[in-house]
Amino acid sequence: MEPSRGEVMSSVLIDACGWVALVDARLNLDVAMASVAGSPRLLVLDSVNAELQKLSQTRGGLLLDLLEQRSERMSDIEGMKHTDDMLVELSVESGWPVLTVDRRLKERLVSAGGSYIEVTSGPSLRLVG
């Protein structure tokens, strides 16, 4: 989908805990994202998808069908084993924020010059960085 004139097509990287927090807060994906990122492409690393698939075996209601329909899958970064390392690298390199509630990941993103979107107790989303 081409962005219309004046609209920048942004992207948001999805972390497993960020997606779970968004679902648990019962936020409407489009409305919540619009307030912080417009209509972004949602990007899901293969390793994040694997985490979510594993989690869905013990926990229902994760709306993985919705995530699958609305996101694009990205291959993991070759040579990197840890999902958080990949998310930090991609955020800093591309300027894409990461949807996450993981405190350690948020600290790493900010110190490396990346950014994140978090689910607040509002419930709403907030862009930091």
N, C-alpha and C. Protein backbone atom coordinates (compact mmCIF):
# COMPACT_ATOMS: atom_id res chain seq x y z
N MET A 1 0.85 -1.18 0.00
CA MET A 1 0.00 0.00 0.00
C MET A 1 0.89 1.24 0.00
N GLU A 2 0.71 2.09 -0.94
CA GLU A 2 1.50 3.32 -1.03
C GLU A 2 0.92 4.37 -0.10
N PRO A 3 1.78 5.07 0.64
CA PRO A 3 1.26 6.14 1.48
C PRO A 3 0.75 7.28 0.60
N SER A 4 -0.32 7.92 1.05
CA SER A 4 -0.83 9.05 0.28
C SER A 4 0.08 10.26 0.49
N ARG A 5 -0.03 11.24 -0.36
CA ARG A 5 0.81 12.43 -0.29
C ARG A 5 0.70 13.07 1.09
N GLY A 6 1.86 13.36 1.68
CA GLY A 6 1.86 14.00 2.98
C GLY A 6 1.82 13.01 4.14
N GLU A 7 1.50 11.76 3.85
CA GLU A 7 1.44 10.75 4.91
C GLU A 7 2.69 9.89 4.81
N VAL A 8 3.45 9.84 5.89
CA VAL A 8 4.66 9.03 5.88
C VAL A 8 4.29 7.63 6.37
N MET A 9 4.67 6.63 5.60
CA MET A 9 4.40 5.26 6.02
C MET A 9 5.46 4.88 7.04
N SER A 10 5.05 4.74 8.27
CA SER A 10 5.98 4.36 9.31
C SER A 10 5.81 2.87 9.60
N SER A 11 6.72 2.36 10.37
CA SER A 11 6.65 0.95 10.77
C SER A 11 6.82 0.86 12.27
N VAL A 12 6.22 -0.16 12.84
CA VAL A 12 6.35 -0.44 14.27
C VAL A 12 6.72 -1.91 14.41
N LEU A 13 7.79 -2.17 15.16
CA LEU A 13 8.20 -3.54 15.47
C LEU A 13 7.38 -4.03 16.66
N ILE A 14 6.87 -5.23 16.57
CA ILE A 14 6.04 -5.79 17.64
C ILE A 14 6.87 -6.74 18.48
N ASP A 15 6.88 -6.51 19.79
CA ASP A 15 7.49 -7.45 20.74
C ASP A 15 6.36 -8.29 21.33
N ALA A 16 6.64 -9.52 21.68
CA ALA A 16 5.60 -10.42 22.18
C ALA A 16 4.87 -9.84 23.38
N CYS A 17 5.60 -9.33 24.36
CA CYS A 17 4.94 -8.81 25.56
C CYS A 17 4.14 -7.54 25.26
N GLY A 18 4.59 -6.78 24.28
CA GLY A 18 3.85 -5.58 23.88
C GLY A 18 2.52 -5.93 23.25
N TRP A 19 2.52 -6.97 22.38
CA TRP A 19 1.27 -7.41 21.76
C TRP A 19 0.30 -7.94 22.83
N VAL A 20 0.82 -8.75 23.77
CA VAL A 20 -0.02 -9.30 24.84
C VAL A 20 -0.61 -8.16 25.67
N ALA A 21 0.19 -7.15 25.99
CA ALA A 21 -0.30 -6.02 26.79
C ALA A 21 -1.38 -5.25 26.04
N LEU A 22 -1.21 -5.06 24.73
CA LEU A 22 -2.20 -4.37 23.91
C LEU A 22 -3.52 -5.13 23.92
N VAL A 23 -3.44 -6.45 23.75
CA VAL A 23 -4.63 -7.30 23.76
C VAL A 23 -5.29 -7.28 25.14
N ASP A 24 -4.48 -7.43 26.19
CA ASP A 24 -5.02 -7.45 27.56
C ASP A 24 -5.70 -6.14 27.93
N ALA A 25 -5.20 -5.03 27.39
CA ALA A 25 -5.79 -3.72 27.68
C ALA A 25 -7.06 -3.49 26.85
N ARG A 26 -7.37 -4.43 25.96
CA ARG A 26 -8.54 -4.36 25.09
C ARG A 26 -8.55 -3.09 24.23
N LEU A 27 -7.36 -2.71 23.79
CA LEU A 27 -7.24 -1.53 22.94
C LEU A 27 -7.59 -1.90 21.50
N ASN A 28 -8.26 -0.99 20.81
CA ASN A 28 -8.49 -1.16 19.38
C ASN A 28 -7.18 -0.84 18.69
N LEU A 29 -6.65 -1.79 17.95
CA LEU A 29 -5.34 -1.66 17.33
C LEU A 29 -5.22 -0.38 16.51
N ASP A 30 -6.18 -0.15 15.61
CA ASP A 30 -6.09 1.02 14.72
C ASP A 30 -6.20 2.34 15.47
N VAL A 31 -7.15 2.43 16.38
CA VAL A 31 -7.36 3.67 17.13
C VAL A 31 -6.15 3.96 18.02
N ALA A 32 -5.67 2.95 18.72
CA ALA A 32 -4.53 3.13 19.63
C ALA A 32 -3.27 3.54 18.86
N MET A 33 -2.99 2.85 17.74
CA MET A 33 -1.80 3.17 16.94
C MET A 33 -1.90 4.54 16.30
N ALA A 34 -3.11 4.92 15.86
CA ALA A 34 -3.29 6.20 15.19
C ALA A 34 -2.82 7.35 16.06
N SER A 35 -3.01 7.23 17.36
CA SER A 35 -2.65 8.33 18.26
C SER A 35 -1.14 8.51 18.41
N VAL A 36 -0.37 7.46 18.14
CA VAL A 36 1.08 7.56 18.32
C VAL A 36 1.90 7.34 17.06
N ALA A 37 1.32 6.64 16.07
CA ALA A 37 2.13 6.28 14.90
C ALA A 37 1.38 6.34 13.58
N GLY A 38 0.20 6.94 13.58
CA GLY A 38 -0.56 6.99 12.33
C GLY A 38 -1.07 5.61 11.97
N SER A 39 -0.86 5.21 10.72
CA SER A 39 -1.25 3.87 10.26
C SER A 39 0.01 3.11 9.86
N PRO A 40 0.75 2.63 10.84
CA PRO A 40 2.05 2.02 10.54
C PRO A 40 1.94 0.61 9.99
N ARG A 41 3.01 0.18 9.32
CA ARG A 41 3.17 -1.23 9.00
C ARG A 41 3.58 -1.89 10.31
N LEU A 42 2.97 -2.99 10.65
CA LEU A 42 3.36 -3.73 11.84
C LEU A 42 4.30 -4.84 11.40
N LEU A 43 5.46 -4.89 12.02
CA LEU A 43 6.50 -5.85 11.65
C LEU A 43 6.74 -6.83 12.78
N VAL A 44 6.71 -8.12 12.46
CA VAL A 44 6.89 -9.16 13.46
C VAL A 44 8.06 -10.04 13.05
N LEU A 45 9.09 -10.06 13.88
CA LEU A 45 10.23 -10.94 13.64
C LEU A 45 9.79 -12.41 13.79
N ASP A 46 10.45 -13.28 13.07
CA ASP A 46 10.15 -14.71 13.18
C ASP A 46 10.25 -15.18 14.63
N SER A 47 11.26 -14.69 15.36
CA SER A 47 11.43 -15.12 16.76
C SER A 47 10.30 -14.62 17.65
N VAL A 48 9.77 -13.42 17.37
CA VAL A 48 8.63 -12.90 18.14
C VAL A 48 7.40 -13.74 17.83
N ASN A 49 7.20 -14.08 16.56
CA ASN A 49 6.08 -14.93 16.19
C ASN A 49 6.17 -16.27 16.90
N ALA A 50 7.37 -16.84 16.97
CA ALA A 50 7.55 -18.12 17.66
C ALA A 50 7.19 -18.00 19.15
N GLU A 51 7.60 -16.90 19.79
CA GLU A 51 7.26 -16.66 21.20
C GLU A 51 5.75 -16.60 21.38
N LEU A 52 5.08 -15.87 20.49
CA LEU A 52 3.63 -15.73 20.59
C LEU A 52 2.92 -17.06 20.34
N GLN A 53 3.41 -17.85 19.37
CA GLN A 53 2.80 -19.15 19.08
C GLN A 53 2.94 -20.07 20.31
N LYS A 54 4.11 -20.04 20.93
CA LYS A 54 4.34 -20.87 22.11
C LYS A 54 3.43 -20.43 23.26
N LEU A 55 3.32 -19.12 23.45
CA LEU A 55 2.47 -18.58 24.51
C LEU A 55 1.00 -18.95 24.27
N SER A 56 0.59 -18.98 23.01
CA SER A 56 -0.82 -19.25 22.70
C SER A 56 -1.22 -20.69 23.04
N GLN A 57 -0.24 -21.56 23.23
CA GLN A 57 -0.54 -22.94 23.61
C GLN A 57 -1.06 -23.04 25.04
N THR A 58 -0.66 -22.09 25.88
CA THR A 58 -1.08 -22.12 27.28
C THR A 58 -2.03 -20.98 27.63
N ARG A 59 -2.28 -20.12 26.66
CA ARG A 59 -3.08 -18.95 26.95
C ARG A 59 -3.90 -18.57 25.72
N GLY A 60 -5.19 -18.41 25.90
CA GLY A 60 -6.05 -18.05 24.77
C GLY A 60 -6.21 -16.55 24.64
N GLY A 61 -6.95 -16.14 23.63
CA GLY A 61 -7.33 -14.74 23.48
C GLY A 61 -6.22 -13.81 23.05
N LEU A 62 -5.20 -14.32 22.37
CA LEU A 62 -4.09 -13.45 21.97
C LEU A 62 -4.30 -12.76 20.62
N LEU A 63 -5.42 -13.07 19.96
CA LEU A 63 -5.75 -12.43 18.67
C LEU A 63 -4.61 -12.57 17.66
N LEU A 64 -4.01 -13.75 17.62
CA LEU A 64 -2.90 -13.96 16.70
C LEU A 64 -3.35 -13.92 15.24
N ASP A 65 -4.62 -14.28 14.98
CA ASP A 65 -5.14 -14.17 13.61
C ASP A 65 -5.14 -12.72 13.16
N LEU A 66 -5.54 -11.81 14.04
CA LEU A 66 -5.53 -10.39 13.73
C LEU A 66 -4.11 -9.91 13.46
N LEU A 67 -3.18 -10.30 14.31
CA LEU A 67 -1.79 -9.90 14.12
C LEU A 67 -1.26 -10.43 12.79
N GLU A 68 -1.59 -11.68 12.48
CA GLU A 68 -1.14 -12.29 11.23
C GLU A 68 -1.69 -11.52 10.02
N GLN A 69 -2.95 -11.14 10.07
CA GLN A 69 -3.59 -10.40 8.96
C GLN A 69 -3.01 -9.01 8.80
N ARG A 70 -2.67 -8.37 9.90
CA ARG A 70 -2.33 -6.96 9.87
C ARG A 70 -0.84 -6.66 9.87
N SER A 71 -0.02 -7.68 9.96
CA SER A 71 1.42 -7.45 10.07
C SER A 71 2.18 -8.11 8.93
N GLU A 72 3.43 -7.73 8.82
CA GLU A 72 4.35 -8.37 7.89
C GLU A 72 5.40 -9.10 8.71
N ARG A 73 5.75 -10.29 8.28
CA ARG A 73 6.76 -11.08 8.98
C ARG A 73 8.13 -10.66 8.48
N MET A 74 9.07 -10.60 9.39
CA MET A 74 10.47 -10.29 9.06
C MET A 74 11.35 -11.43 9.54
N SER A 75 12.32 -11.78 8.73
CA SER A 75 13.29 -12.79 9.15
C SER A 75 14.14 -12.24 10.29
N ASP A 76 14.55 -13.14 11.17
CA ASP A 76 15.46 -12.74 12.23
C ASP A 76 16.78 -12.28 11.60
N ILE A 77 17.51 -11.45 12.33
CA ILE A 77 18.80 -10.98 11.84
C ILE A 77 19.81 -12.12 11.96
N GLU A 78 20.44 -12.43 10.85
CA GLU A 78 21.40 -13.53 10.83
C GLU A 78 22.54 -13.26 11.81
N GLY A 79 22.90 -14.29 12.55
CA GLY A 79 24.01 -14.17 13.48
C GLY A 79 23.61 -13.66 14.85
N MET A 80 22.35 -13.26 15.02
CA MET A 80 21.87 -12.81 16.33
C MET A 80 20.92 -13.86 16.88
N LYS A 81 21.09 -14.17 18.15
CA LYS A 81 20.25 -15.20 18.76
C LYS A 81 19.11 -14.61 19.59
N HIS A 82 19.32 -13.47 20.20
CA HIS A 82 18.33 -12.93 21.14
C HIS A 82 17.40 -11.93 20.47
N THR A 83 16.11 -12.14 20.66
CA THR A 83 15.09 -11.29 20.06
C THR A 83 15.30 -9.83 20.44
N ASP A 84 15.56 -9.56 21.72
CA ASP A 84 15.73 -8.17 22.15
C ASP A 84 16.90 -7.49 21.43
N ASP A 85 17.99 -8.23 21.20
CA ASP A 85 19.13 -7.67 20.46
C ASP A 85 18.69 -7.25 19.06
N MET A 86 17.89 -8.10 18.42
CA MET A 86 17.42 -7.80 17.07
C MET A 86 16.50 -6.58 17.07
N LEU A 87 15.61 -6.51 18.05
CA LEU A 87 14.67 -5.39 18.12
C LEU A 87 15.41 -4.06 18.34
N VAL A 88 16.41 -4.08 19.21
CA VAL A 88 17.20 -2.87 19.45
C VAL A 88 17.93 -2.46 18.17
N GLU A 89 18.59 -3.42 17.54
CA GLU A 89 19.34 -3.15 16.30
C GLU A 89 18.42 -2.54 15.23
N LEU A 90 17.27 -3.16 15.01
CA LEU A 90 16.34 -2.67 13.97
C LEU A 90 15.77 -1.31 14.32
N SER A 91 15.45 -1.09 15.58
CA SER A 91 14.89 0.20 15.99
C SER A 91 15.89 1.33 15.78
N VAL A 92 17.13 1.09 16.19
CA VAL A 92 18.17 2.13 16.06
C VAL A 92 18.50 2.37 14.59
N GLU A 93 18.67 1.28 13.82
CA GLU A 93 19.03 1.39 12.40
C GLU A 93 17.96 2.08 11.57
N SER A 94 16.70 1.73 11.82
CA SER A 94 15.62 2.18 10.95
C SER A 94 14.80 3.33 11.50
N GLY A 95 14.93 3.57 12.81
CA GLY A 95 14.10 4.60 13.43
C GLY A 95 12.70 4.10 13.77
N TRP A 96 12.48 2.79 13.69
CA TRP A 96 11.17 2.23 14.01
C TRP A 96 11.04 2.00 15.51
N PRO A 97 9.94 2.43 16.12
CA PRO A 97 9.72 2.12 17.53
C PRO A 97 9.31 0.66 17.72
N VAL A 98 9.51 0.16 18.93
CA VAL A 98 9.14 -1.20 19.29
C VAL A 98 7.95 -1.13 20.25
N LEU A 99 6.88 -1.86 19.94
CA LEU A 99 5.75 -1.97 20.87
C LEU A 99 6.16 -2.97 21.94
N THR A 100 6.38 -2.49 23.17
CA THR A 100 6.83 -3.37 24.24
C THR A 100 6.44 -2.81 25.60
N VAL A 101 6.35 -3.68 26.59
CA VAL A 101 6.20 -3.25 27.98
C VAL A 101 7.36 -3.79 28.82
N ASP A 102 8.31 -4.43 28.16
CA ASP A 102 9.47 -5.02 28.85
C ASP A 102 10.40 -3.91 29.32
N ARG A 103 10.53 -3.78 30.63
CA ARG A 103 11.31 -2.67 31.21
C ARG A 103 12.77 -2.68 30.76
N ARG A 104 13.39 -3.85 30.76
CA ARG A 104 14.80 -3.94 30.37
C ARG A 104 14.98 -3.58 28.89
N LEU A 105 14.07 -4.05 28.04
CA LEU A 105 14.13 -3.73 26.62
C LEU A 105 13.94 -2.23 26.40
N LYS A 106 13.01 -1.64 27.13
CA LYS A 106 12.79 -0.18 26.99
C LYS A 106 14.04 0.59 27.37
N GLU A 107 14.69 0.19 28.45
CA GLU A 107 15.94 0.86 28.86
C GLU A 107 17.02 0.71 27.79
N ARG A 108 17.15 -0.48 27.24
CA ARG A 108 18.15 -0.72 26.18
C ARG A 108 17.85 0.13 24.95
N LEU A 109 16.58 0.20 24.57
CA LEU A 109 16.21 0.99 23.39
C LEU A 109 16.57 2.46 23.57
N VAL A 110 16.22 3.03 24.72
CA VAL A 110 16.50 4.44 24.96
C VAL A 110 17.99 4.70 25.01
N SER A 111 18.76 3.85 25.70
CA SER A 111 20.20 4.09 25.81
C SER A 111 20.92 3.92 24.47
N ALA A 112 20.35 3.11 23.56
CA ALA A 112 20.97 2.90 22.25
C ALA A 112 20.51 3.92 21.21
N GLY A 113 19.52 4.74 21.58
CA GLY A 113 19.01 5.73 20.64
C GLY A 113 17.79 5.26 19.86
N GLY A 114 17.18 4.18 20.31
CA GLY A 114 15.95 3.70 19.68
C GLY A 114 14.74 4.30 20.37
N SER A 115 13.56 3.82 20.03
CA SER A 115 12.34 4.32 20.66
C SER A 115 11.38 3.16 20.86
N TYR A 116 10.36 3.40 21.68
CA TYR A 116 9.38 2.36 21.92
C TYR A 116 8.00 2.96 22.12
N ILE A 117 7.02 2.11 21.94
CA ILE A 117 5.62 2.44 22.23
C ILE A 117 5.21 1.50 23.35
N GLU A 118 4.65 2.06 24.40
CA GLU A 118 4.24 1.23 25.53
C GLU A 118 2.74 1.37 25.76
N VAL A 119 2.17 0.34 26.35
CA VAL A 119 0.78 0.36 26.75
C VAL A 119 0.75 0.98 28.14
N THR A 120 -0.01 2.05 28.31
CA THR A 120 -0.09 2.72 29.60
C THR A 120 -1.34 2.25 30.34
N SER A 121 -1.42 2.60 31.60
CA SER A 121 -2.55 2.14 32.40
C SER A 121 -3.86 2.84 32.03
N GLY A 122 -3.79 3.79 31.11
CA GLY A 122 -4.92 4.60 30.67
C GLY A 122 -6.22 3.92 30.31
N PRO A 123 -6.36 2.86 29.57
CA PRO A 123 -5.31 2.26 28.76
C PRO A 123 -5.16 2.98 27.42
N SER A 124 -3.94 3.27 27.08
CA SER A 124 -3.63 3.88 25.78
C SER A 124 -2.20 3.56 25.45
N LEU A 125 -1.74 4.02 24.29
CA LEU A 125 -0.36 3.82 23.90
C LEU A 125 0.39 5.13 24.04
N ARG A 126 1.68 5.03 24.33
CA ARG A 126 2.54 6.21 24.45
C ARG A 126 3.84 5.92 23.75
N LEU A 127 4.27 6.87 22.91
CA LEU A 127 5.55 6.76 22.20
C LEU A 127 6.62 7.43 23.04
N VAL A 128 7.74 6.73 23.25
CA VAL A 128 8.86 7.26 24.03
C VAL A 128 10.12 7.15 23.20
N GLY A 129 10.87 8.27 23.14
CA GLY A 129 12.15 8.26 22.43
C GLY A 129 12.09 8.87 21.07
